[in-house]
């Protein structure tokens, strides 16, 4: 019984709890707002990622159903058939497709009769596209744009496959890691994603992005006003502003390391920027906070480069740092890591890609630098000048509390669901 409440079915590629990564944080608060503030009955159908525990389901999720993942062999077969041979679906879609999971979603629609169904990112879009209900594809960001930018980077050291690479046999892993193969895969994925994103935009009643600029771009390409932006926010009570307590010259980086743009950013800093920092600050240390680092990446550990792996509370690690960095060379959407770090009042140096769609003021709320030497000089200046660190950190905290609250997301979600005729 739904007691007169609207029922929303949310199909996800990962559990929305705990809020320990950028996307999980967004999903957690979207669900919380839909349930507690808009008053919907929330049904979540989700695949599991490593470390996910369904037993920790928050009360605002009324029903949770775990979807079975395809085996590694089946996923590889889907990719070969639908992404490589037929060129029908992006690898992201083929990787997450499982006919058994699809039957469960269809059965949930029959049982729950939802007023709307939401698909989390392009990975889940195939599960909602043919449902006979109001469909919202929450693409998060234009992943085709992210892959385009990735293709322009040096593919050496970039893993475009994510965690899937480590589920295949070693001999196949070696073949997949050859630069020529990676280049082909990425270019093929760009073409498939561009077509698929627009196709989903035409089929579904609404498409959601976190960035207004990407929603506007999508609408222009689609030729229809069907995409809207639902901004992300920051839990400023959790990522609370605090005074600096760091004693050593730690430089922090936050992010899941099994994601290509994060791994590439860490390598870029270690190889191209950090040596320049060490010339002026020889006792500087680089702290990479996040899980999923590959064996090759972990080999870069040394007396001044540290990987934390999965941590219970990223704030504890970040508080050890005087400066944080986001040296991303490709990506899309909004970088949640930057918002959370800024909320804590920590100074951050980022690139134009890392700064995209946020709107903070350069040299006031943070420092933006794309050239490696300029980036290093910005880090050095912050490490050596406490007053500058404090000023930028304070400005950053004020900016987040002014510009990135979950109340803005609530207003957009209310507007979105106000359009649904039940």
Protein backbone atom coordinates (compact mmCIF):
# COMPACT_ATOMS: atom_id res chain seq x y z
CA UNK A 1 0.00 0.00 0.00
CA UNK A 2 1.33 3.45 -0.87
CA UNK A 3 -1.10 5.39 1.39
CA UNK A 4 -1.75 7.93 -1.34
CA UNK A 5 1.91 8.77 -1.84
CA UNK A 6 3.52 8.91 -5.23
CA UNK A 7 5.70 5.86 -5.81
CA UNK A 8 9.09 6.33 -7.44
CA UNK A 9 11.16 3.40 -8.71
CA UNK A 10 14.86 4.27 -8.87
CA UNK A 11 17.08 1.83 -10.81
CA UNK A 12 20.73 2.23 -9.80
CA UNK A 13 24.13 0.83 -10.69
CA UNK A 14 25.21 1.07 -7.03
CA UNK A 15 23.63 1.51 -3.62
CA UNK A 16 23.02 5.15 -2.68
CA UNK A 17 24.49 4.57 0.79
CA UNK A 18 26.75 5.23 2.54
CA UNK A 19 27.56 8.58 0.91
CA UNK A 20 31.27 7.91 0.47
CA UNK A 21 31.81 9.00 -3.14
CA UNK A 22 30.61 11.77 -5.43
CA UNK A 23 27.84 9.85 -7.17
CA UNK A 24 26.76 7.97 -4.04
CA UNK A 25 26.43 11.28 -2.24
CA UNK A 26 24.19 12.66 -4.98
CA UNK A 27 22.02 9.54 -5.05
CA UNK A 28 21.76 9.49 -1.25
CA UNK A 29 20.47 13.05 -1.09
CA UNK A 30 18.20 12.71 -4.12
CA UNK A 31 16.56 9.73 -2.40
CA UNK A 32 16.37 11.53 0.95
CA UNK A 33 14.78 14.61 -0.61
CA UNK A 34 12.27 12.58 -2.65
CA UNK A 35 11.19 10.64 0.43
CA UNK A 36 11.50 12.97 3.41
CA UNK A 37 10.92 16.39 1.82
CA UNK A 38 8.72 15.72 -1.23
CA UNK A 39 6.86 12.81 0.38
CA UNK A 40 7.30 10.04 -2.19
CA UNK A 41 7.33 6.33 -1.51
CA UNK A 42 10.75 5.22 -2.70
CA UNK A 43 11.57 1.82 -4.22
CA UNK A 44 15.24 1.27 -5.12
CA UNK A 45 16.45 -1.53 -7.40
CA UNK A 46 20.23 -1.60 -7.34
CA UNK A 47 23.28 -3.56 -8.32
CA UNK A 48 26.03 -3.91 -5.72
CA UNK A 49 29.54 -2.52 -5.82
CA UNK A 50 32.41 -3.85 -3.73
CA UNK A 51 31.84 -2.80 -0.13
CA UNK A 52 28.08 -2.17 -0.51
CA UNK A 53 26.00 -3.50 2.39
CA UNK A 54 22.19 -3.63 1.93
CA UNK A 55 21.77 -4.07 5.71
CA UNK A 56 22.58 -0.37 6.17
CA UNK A 57 19.53 0.77 4.21
CA UNK A 58 18.30 4.17 5.48
CA UNK A 59 14.68 4.47 6.55
CA UNK A 60 13.80 6.84 3.70
CA UNK A 61 14.06 3.93 1.24
CA UNK A 62 10.77 2.02 1.59
CA UNK A 63 11.80 -1.02 -0.42
CA UNK A 64 15.22 -2.18 -1.60
CA UNK A 65 15.71 -4.89 -4.23
CA UNK A 66 19.19 -6.11 -5.17
CA UNK A 67 19.71 -6.77 -8.88
CA UNK A 68 21.92 -9.67 -10.00
CA UNK A 69 25.00 -8.71 -12.00
CA UNK A 70 26.01 -10.61 -15.08
CA UNK A 71 29.13 -12.75 -14.73
CA UNK A 72 32.42 -11.37 -16.04
CA UNK A 73 32.19 -13.82 -18.96
CA UNK A 74 28.64 -12.73 -19.79
CA UNK A 75 29.60 -9.04 -19.57
CA UNK A 76 32.56 -9.63 -21.88
CA UNK A 77 30.24 -11.42 -24.33
CA UNK A 78 27.74 -8.53 -24.20
CA UNK A 79 30.52 -6.03 -24.89
CA UNK A 80 31.92 -8.06 -27.77
CA UNK A 81 28.51 -8.63 -29.35
CA UNK A 82 26.66 -5.36 -28.74
CA UNK A 83 29.50 -2.82 -28.46
CA UNK A 84 32.26 -4.12 -30.73
CA UNK A 85 30.55 -6.23 -33.43
CA UNK A 86 27.03 -4.79 -33.73
CA UNK A 87 28.03 -1.32 -32.45
CA UNK A 88 24.58 -1.07 -30.93
CA UNK A 89 25.20 -0.18 -27.29
CA UNK A 90 28.01 1.63 -25.46
CA UNK A 91 30.36 -0.51 -23.41
CA UNK A 92 28.99 1.17 -20.27
CA UNK A 93 25.53 -0.20 -21.10
CA UNK A 94 26.66 -3.67 -22.21
CA UNK A 95 28.75 -4.08 -19.05
CA UNK A 96 25.72 -3.63 -16.79
CA UNK A 97 23.15 -5.52 -18.87
CA UNK A 98 21.62 -8.66 -17.41
CA UNK A 99 18.34 -10.09 -18.71
CA UNK A 100 17.57 -11.52 -15.23
CA UNK A 101 17.90 -8.05 -13.71
CA UNK A 102 15.67 -6.65 -16.44
CA UNK A 103 12.91 -9.15 -15.60
CA UNK A 104 13.11 -8.09 -11.95
CA UNK A 105 12.71 -4.43 -12.90
CA UNK A 106 9.73 -5.27 -15.12
CA UNK A 107 8.16 -7.27 -12.29
CA UNK A 108 8.68 -4.35 -9.88
CA UNK A 109 6.82 -2.06 -12.26
CA UNK A 110 3.89 -4.50 -12.31
CA UNK A 111 3.90 -4.83 -8.50
CA UNK A 112 4.48 -1.21 -7.54
CA UNK A 113 2.83 0.62 -10.46
CA UNK A 114 5.20 3.58 -9.97
CA UNK A 115 4.24 7.11 -10.97
CA UNK A 116 7.75 7.52 -12.36
CA UNK A 117 10.89 5.46 -12.82
CA UNK A 118 14.40 6.93 -12.72
CA UNK A 119 17.49 5.34 -14.27
CA UNK A 120 20.86 6.13 -12.67
CA UNK A 121 23.36 7.15 -15.36
CA UNK A 122 23.72 5.63 -18.81
CA UNK A 123 24.45 2.25 -17.19
CA UNK A 124 20.84 1.89 -16.05
CA UNK A 125 19.12 3.54 -19.01
CA UNK A 126 18.49 0.28 -20.86
CA UNK A 127 16.43 -1.00 -17.92
CA UNK A 128 13.93 1.88 -18.08
CA UNK A 129 13.71 2.75 -21.78
CA UNK A 130 10.86 0.36 -22.66
CA UNK A 131 8.81 0.66 -19.48
CA UNK A 132 5.22 1.86 -19.75
CA UNK A 133 5.48 4.68 -17.24
CA UNK A 134 6.97 8.17 -16.87
CA UNK A 135 10.73 7.69 -17.46
CA UNK A 136 13.50 9.94 -16.19
CA UNK A 137 17.04 9.20 -17.30
CA UNK A 138 19.38 10.73 -14.74
CA UNK A 139 22.55 10.78 -16.85
CA UNK A 140 24.45 12.86 -14.25
CA UNK A 141 26.83 14.23 -16.87
CA UNK A 142 27.65 13.89 -20.55
CA UNK A 143 29.88 10.86 -20.36
CA UNK A 144 30.48 11.09 -24.11
CA UNK A 145 32.14 14.46 -23.45
CA UNK A 146 34.31 12.89 -20.75
CA UNK A 147 35.44 10.16 -23.15
CA UNK A 148 36.18 12.75 -25.86
CA UNK A 149 38.48 14.61 -23.51
CA UNK A 150 40.01 11.34 -22.40
CA UNK A 151 40.83 10.45 -26.02
CA UNK A 152 42.85 13.66 -26.30
CA UNK A 153 45.07 12.67 -23.37
CA UNK A 154 48.07 10.35 -23.47
CA UNK A 155 46.47 6.90 -23.11
CA UNK A 156 49.59 5.50 -21.48
CA UNK A 157 48.69 4.84 -17.87
CA UNK A 158 44.95 5.41 -18.43
CA UNK A 159 42.56 2.55 -17.75
CA UNK A 160 39.34 3.28 -19.71
CA UNK A 161 37.71 0.03 -18.50
CA UNK A 162 37.50 0.79 -14.77
CA UNK A 163 37.25 -2.12 -12.33
CA UNK A 164 36.04 -4.42 -15.14
CA UNK A 165 39.63 -4.74 -16.39
CA UNK A 166 40.57 -6.75 -13.30
CA UNK A 167 37.75 -9.26 -13.72
CA UNK A 168 39.08 -10.66 -17.00
CA UNK A 169 41.90 -13.23 -17.40
CA UNK A 170 45.45 -11.83 -17.29
CA UNK A 171 46.20 -12.62 -20.93
CA UNK A 172 43.12 -10.65 -22.02
CA UNK A 173 44.00 -7.86 -19.60
CA UNK A 174 47.37 -7.45 -21.32
CA UNK A 175 45.74 -7.21 -24.74
CA UNK A 176 43.16 -4.69 -23.46
CA UNK A 177 45.97 -2.57 -21.96
CA UNK A 178 47.81 -2.06 -25.24
CA UNK A 179 47.59 1.60 -26.23
CA UNK A 180 46.27 0.89 -29.74
CA UNK A 181 43.49 -1.25 -28.29
CA UNK A 182 42.60 1.37 -25.68
CA UNK A 183 42.50 4.09 -28.33
CA UNK A 184 40.14 2.02 -30.47
CA UNK A 185 37.90 1.21 -27.51
CA UNK A 186 37.66 4.87 -26.43
CA UNK A 187 36.93 6.17 -29.94
CA UNK A 188 34.31 3.47 -30.46
CA UNK A 189 32.76 4.29 -27.09
CA UNK A 190 32.56 8.01 -27.92
CA UNK A 191 30.60 7.28 -31.10
CA UNK A 192 28.25 4.86 -29.37
CA UNK A 193 27.69 7.12 -26.36
CA UNK A 194 26.86 10.17 -28.45
CA UNK A 195 24.15 8.22 -30.30
CA UNK A 196 22.87 6.41 -27.22
CA UNK A 197 22.59 9.50 -25.01
CA UNK A 198 20.48 11.28 -27.63
CA UNK A 199 18.40 8.16 -28.22
CA UNK A 200 17.62 7.89 -24.51
CA UNK A 201 16.84 11.62 -24.48
CA UNK A 202 14.25 11.11 -27.21
CA UNK A 203 12.68 8.02 -25.60
CA UNK A 204 12.46 9.20 -21.99
CA UNK A 205 10.14 11.94 -20.84
CA UNK A 206 12.95 13.78 -19.03
CA UNK A 207 16.74 13.67 -18.86
CA UNK A 208 18.65 15.03 -15.87
CA UNK A 209 22.16 16.48 -15.61
CA UNK A 210 23.92 18.08 -12.65
CA UNK A 211 25.28 20.97 -14.73
CA UNK A 212 22.99 23.54 -16.36
CA UNK A 213 25.46 23.99 -19.24
CA UNK A 214 25.28 20.29 -20.13
CA UNK A 215 21.46 20.26 -19.97
CA UNK A 216 21.38 23.24 -22.35
CA UNK A 217 23.91 21.61 -24.70
CA UNK A 218 21.89 18.39 -24.70
CA UNK A 219 18.65 20.22 -25.52
CA UNK A 220 20.30 21.98 -28.45
CA UNK A 221 21.56 18.69 -29.86
CA UNK A 222 18.23 16.99 -29.18
CA UNK A 223 16.20 19.80 -30.71
CA UNK A 224 13.75 19.59 -27.79
CA UNK A 225 13.52 21.07 -24.28
CA UNK A 226 13.49 17.76 -22.41
CA UNK A 227 16.66 17.97 -20.30
CA UNK A 228 16.89 19.82 -16.99
CA UNK A 229 19.61 20.27 -14.41
CA UNK A 230 19.27 19.13 -10.81
CA UNK A 231 22.30 20.57 -9.03
CA UNK A 232 24.25 18.72 -6.41
CA UNK A 233 24.87 20.09 -2.95
CA UNK A 234 27.18 19.56 -0.03
CA UNK A 235 26.35 18.33 3.45
CA UNK A 236 27.98 21.34 5.09
CA UNK A 237 27.23 20.00 8.57
CA UNK A 238 29.33 16.93 7.77
CA UNK A 239 32.02 18.70 5.73
CA UNK A 240 32.18 21.36 8.40
CA UNK A 241 34.41 24.39 8.09
CA UNK A 242 37.34 24.19 10.47
CA UNK A 243 40.62 25.90 11.19
CA UNK A 244 43.81 24.39 9.83
CA UNK A 245 45.43 21.84 12.12
CA UNK A 246 47.98 20.33 9.70
CA UNK A 247 51.62 20.43 10.79
CA UNK A 248 53.38 18.69 7.90
CA UNK A 249 53.42 19.75 4.25
CA UNK A 250 50.85 17.23 3.07
CA UNK A 251 49.12 17.81 -0.25
CA UNK A 252 45.81 15.95 -0.58
CA UNK A 253 43.90 14.44 -3.48
CA UNK A 254 40.43 12.91 -3.03
CA UNK A 255 38.80 10.44 -5.40
CA UNK A 256 38.03 6.83 -6.29
CA UNK A 257 41.19 5.63 -8.01
CA UNK A 258 39.50 3.02 -10.22
CA UNK A 259 37.96 5.88 -12.21
CA UNK A 260 40.02 6.86 -15.26
CA UNK A 261 39.98 10.63 -14.76
CA UNK A 262 41.03 10.32 -11.11
CA UNK A 263 43.82 7.85 -11.83
CA UNK A 264 45.09 10.05 -14.64
CA UNK A 265 44.96 13.14 -12.41
CA UNK A 266 47.01 11.43 -9.71
CA UNK A 267 49.60 10.23 -12.25
CA UNK A 268 49.75 13.70 -13.80
CA UNK A 269 50.46 15.29 -10.43
CA UNK A 270 53.06 12.66 -9.46
CA UNK A 271 54.90 12.75 -12.78
CA UNK A 272 54.59 16.36 -13.95
CA UNK A 273 53.81 18.62 -10.98
CA UNK A 274 55.05 17.07 -7.73
CA UNK A 275 58.75 17.01 -8.78
CA UNK A 276 58.52 20.79 -9.30
CA UNK A 277 56.99 21.19 -5.84
CA UNK A 278 59.75 19.10 -4.26
CA UNK A 279 62.39 21.40 -5.71
CA UNK A 280 61.14 24.19 -3.43
CA UNK A 281 59.50 22.16 -0.65
CA UNK A 282 61.61 18.98 -0.29
CA UNK A 283 59.60 17.69 2.68
CA UNK A 284 56.27 17.88 0.81
CA UNK A 285 54.15 14.73 0.82
CA UNK A 286 51.34 13.71 -1.54
CA UNK A 287 48.39 11.90 0.06
CA UNK A 288 45.93 10.14 -2.28
CA UNK A 289 42.67 9.53 -0.39
CA UNK A 290 40.42 6.96 -2.04
CA UNK A 291 39.97 3.28 -2.82
CA UNK A 292 40.56 1.28 -5.98
CA UNK A 293 44.18 2.07 -6.84
CA UNK A 294 45.63 -0.44 -9.32
CA UNK A 295 48.81 -2.41 -8.65
CA UNK A 296 50.65 -0.26 -11.19
CA UNK A 297 49.54 2.92 -9.49
CA UNK A 298 50.47 1.64 -6.04
CA UNK A 299 54.02 1.05 -7.32
CA UNK A 300 54.42 4.84 -7.28
CA UNK A 301 54.26 4.79 -3.46
CA UNK A 302 57.47 6.05 -1.83
CA UNK A 303 58.65 8.05 1.17
CA UNK A 304 56.61 11.10 0.10
CA UNK A 305 53.72 9.54 -1.88
CA UNK A 306 51.02 7.71 0.08
CA UNK A 307 47.80 5.87 -0.85
CA UNK A 308 45.24 5.51 1.94
CA UNK A 309 42.94 3.01 0.24
CA UNK A 310 39.35 2.90 1.51
CA UNK A 311 38.88 4.99 4.65
CA UNK A 312 35.87 5.30 6.96
CA UNK A 313 36.06 9.10 7.13
CA UNK A 314 37.86 11.08 4.42
CA UNK A 315 37.78 14.20 6.60
CA UNK A 316 40.36 12.73 8.97
CA UNK A 317 42.82 12.28 6.10
CA UNK A 318 42.06 15.63 4.49
CA UNK A 319 42.65 17.45 7.79
CA UNK A 320 46.27 16.26 7.66
CA UNK A 321 46.75 18.34 4.51
CA UNK A 322 47.60 22.02 4.16
CA UNK A 323 46.58 22.10 0.50
CA UNK A 324 44.41 19.92 -1.74
CA UNK A 325 44.70 19.49 -5.49
CA UNK A 326 42.45 18.45 -8.35
CA UNK A 327 44.80 18.25 -11.38
CA UNK A 328 42.25 16.70 -13.73
CA UNK A 329 42.96 16.83 -17.46
CA UNK A 330 39.62 15.36 -18.57
CA UNK A 331 36.17 14.85 -17.12
CA UNK A 332 32.68 16.34 -17.24
CA UNK A 333 29.88 17.47 -14.96
CA UNK A 334 30.72 18.84 -11.49
CA UNK A 335 33.57 17.51 -9.35
CA UNK A 336 31.99 16.75 -5.98
CA UNK A 337 35.42 16.30 -4.41
CA UNK A 338 36.15 20.00 -4.91
CA UNK A 339 32.87 21.07 -3.30
CA UNK A 340 33.46 18.90 -0.22
CA UNK A 341 37.06 20.07 0.22
CA UNK A 342 36.05 23.71 -0.15
CA UNK A 343 33.21 23.24 2.34
CA UNK A 344 35.82 22.24 4.93
CA UNK A 345 37.61 25.55 4.37
CA UNK A 346 40.60 23.95 2.72
CA UNK A 347 42.47 25.74 -0.09
CA UNK A 348 42.50 23.88 -3.37
CA UNK A 349 44.40 24.18 -6.64
CA UNK A 350 42.54 22.80 -9.64
CA UNK A 351 42.54 22.85 -13.43
CA UNK A 352 39.94 24.38 -15.75
CA UNK A 353 38.41 20.91 -16.14
CA UNK A 354 38.20 20.47 -12.36
CA UNK A 355 36.67 23.93 -12.01
CA UNK A 356 34.06 23.43 -14.72
CA UNK A 357 30.42 24.21 -13.90
CA UNK A 358 31.18 25.34 -10.33
CA UNK A 359 31.61 29.09 -10.78
CA UNK A 360 34.01 29.91 -7.93
CA UNK A 361 36.33 32.91 -8.35
CA UNK A 362 39.94 32.22 -9.34
CA UNK A 363 42.59 33.44 -6.88
CA UNK A 364 39.88 34.15 -4.33
CA UNK A 365 37.83 30.97 -3.66
CA UNK A 366 40.50 28.68 -5.14
CA UNK A 367 43.37 28.74 -7.63
CA UNK A 368 43.02 27.50 -11.21
CA UNK A 369 46.13 26.52 -13.17
CA UNK A 370 46.46 24.32 -16.26
CA UNK A 371 50.21 24.62 -16.89
CA UNK A 372 52.21 22.17 -14.75
CA UNK A 373 54.73 24.77 -13.56
CA UNK A 374 52.01 27.31 -12.74
CA UNK A 375 50.12 24.59 -10.88
CA UNK A 376 53.23 23.70 -8.87
CA UNK A 377 53.92 27.35 -8.07
CA UNK A 378 50.37 27.77 -6.78
CA UNK A 379 50.79 24.74 -4.50
CA UNK A 380 54.17 26.01 -3.27
CA UNK A 381 52.74 29.47 -2.53
CA UNK A 382 49.94 27.98 -0.45
CA UNK A 383 52.24 25.62 1.44
CA UNK A 384 54.51 28.52 2.37
CA UNK A 385 51.91 31.16 3.22
CA UNK A 386 49.48 30.34 6.03
CA UNK A 387 47.60 33.64 5.73
CA UNK A 388 46.93 32.95 2.04
CA UNK A 389 45.77 29.42 2.83
CA UNK A 390 43.43 30.74 5.50
CA UNK A 391 41.97 33.48 3.29
CA UNK A 392 41.27 31.18 0.32
CA UNK A 393 39.91 28.48 2.62
CA UNK A 394 37.47 30.90 4.27
CA UNK A 395 36.33 32.21 0.90
CA UNK A 396 35.86 28.65 -0.33
CA UNK A 397 33.70 27.70 2.64
CA UNK A 398 31.51 30.79 2.22
CA UNK A 399 31.12 30.12 -1.49
CA UNK A 400 29.90 26.55 -0.95
CA UNK A 401 27.39 27.58 1.71
CA UNK A 402 26.09 30.25 -0.63
CA UNK A 403 26.01 28.30 -3.89
CA UNK A 404 25.78 24.52 -3.29
CA UNK A 405 23.03 23.62 -0.85
CA UNK A 406 20.70 20.65 -1.22
CA UNK A 407 17.77 23.06 -0.99
CA UNK A 408 18.43 24.03 -4.62
CA UNK A 409 18.24 20.37 -5.65
CA UNK A 410 14.97 20.04 -3.72
CA UNK A 411 13.40 22.92 -5.66
CA UNK A 412 14.38 21.40 -9.01
CA UNK A 413 13.09 17.95 -8.01
CA UNK A 414 9.80 19.49 -6.86
CA UNK A 415 9.51 21.22 -10.22
CA UNK A 416 10.34 17.99 -12.09
CA UNK A 417 7.82 15.82 -10.25
CA UNK A 418 5.23 18.57 -10.33
CA UNK A 419 5.06 18.01 -14.11
CA UNK A 420 4.11 14.34 -13.74
CA UNK A 421 0.41 13.67 -14.15
CA UNK A 422 -0.58 10.70 -12.01
